[in-house]
Protein backbone atom coordinates (compact mmCIF):
# COMPACT_ATOMS: atom_id res chain seq x y z
CA MET A 1 0.00 0.00 0.00
CA LEU A 2 1.27 3.47 -0.84
CA SER A 3 1.91 5.73 2.09
CA LYS A 4 2.30 9.48 2.46
CA GLU A 5 6.08 9.04 2.14
CA ILE A 6 5.90 7.82 -1.46
CA PRO A 7 8.25 9.44 -3.94
CA GLN A 8 6.84 11.93 -6.42
CA GLN A 9 8.15 9.68 -9.20
CA LEU A 10 8.47 5.95 -9.48
CA VAL A 11 9.52 3.34 -12.03
CA GLY A 12 7.26 0.54 -13.15
CA ARG A 13 5.84 -1.47 -16.04
CA TYR A 14 3.01 -0.02 -18.12
CA PHE A 15 -0.12 -2.12 -18.77
CA ASN A 16 -3.34 -1.53 -20.71
CA GLU A 17 -6.06 -4.07 -19.89
CA SER A 18 -9.70 -3.71 -20.96
CA GLY A 19 -9.13 -0.06 -21.82
CA ILE A 20 -7.66 0.80 -18.40
CA SER A 21 -4.08 2.08 -18.40
CA PHE A 22 -1.96 1.62 -15.29
CA VAL A 23 1.61 1.21 -14.08
CA ARG A 24 2.65 -1.52 -11.67
CA ALA A 25 5.60 -0.30 -9.58
CA ASP A 26 8.87 -2.23 -9.71
CA ASN A 27 9.28 -1.64 -5.96
CA PRO A 28 7.57 -4.61 -4.23
CA ARG A 29 6.77 -2.41 -1.21
CA ILE A 30 4.28 -0.46 -3.36
CA SER A 31 1.30 -2.76 -3.83
CA GLN A 32 -1.17 -0.37 -5.49
CA ASP A 33 -1.24 0.20 -9.24
CA ILE A 34 -1.01 3.79 -10.51
CA LEU A 35 -3.81 4.73 -12.91
CA ILE A 36 -2.76 6.56 -16.07
CA PRO A 37 -5.34 8.69 -17.92
CA ALA A 38 -5.68 7.41 -21.51
CA GLU A 39 -4.70 10.73 -23.06
CA ARG A 40 -1.46 10.77 -21.02
CA SER A 41 -0.16 7.26 -21.71
CA GLY A 42 2.23 7.53 -24.69
CA ALA A 43 3.77 4.14 -23.88
CA MET A 44 3.47 0.61 -25.22
CA PRO A 45 2.17 -2.19 -22.95
CA GLY A 46 5.03 -3.93 -21.18
CA GLN A 47 7.34 -0.93 -21.42
CA ILE A 48 9.27 0.25 -18.34
CA VAL A 49 8.31 3.87 -17.59
CA VAL A 50 8.82 6.64 -15.05
CA VAL A 51 5.59 8.01 -13.57
CA ASP A 52 4.91 11.35 -11.89
CA ILE A 53 2.30 10.93 -9.14
CA VAL A 54 -0.27 13.70 -9.59
CA GLU A 55 -2.98 12.45 -7.20
CA PRO A 56 -2.07 10.43 -4.12
CA PRO A 57 -4.16 7.42 -3.13
CA SER A 58 -7.19 7.87 -0.96
CA ARG A 59 -9.38 5.47 0.95
CA ASN A 60 -11.55 4.86 -2.13
CA ASN A 61 -9.28 5.68 -5.08
CA LEU A 62 -6.01 4.47 -6.52
CA PRO A 63 -3.21 6.97 -7.15
CA VAL A 64 -3.15 8.73 -10.53
CA GLY A 65 0.00 9.54 -12.46
CA HIS A 66 1.37 10.77 -15.77
CA ILE A 67 4.15 9.06 -17.70
CA CYS A 68 7.25 11.25 -17.97
């Protein structure tokens, strides 16, 4: 689970499944996927990317990020 001490950027693998784009962090301590808005993806599925976190996780929502 992401905590308040998460970095502003992280590295992970980009996925696009059923029209939902997300990045799964390479760091095993971060268990939540980071949602990527479709218009901000610019990456191919399976590609390693750097993500800027633009919205931290909340109780009901996953974090949101943009690919650098």
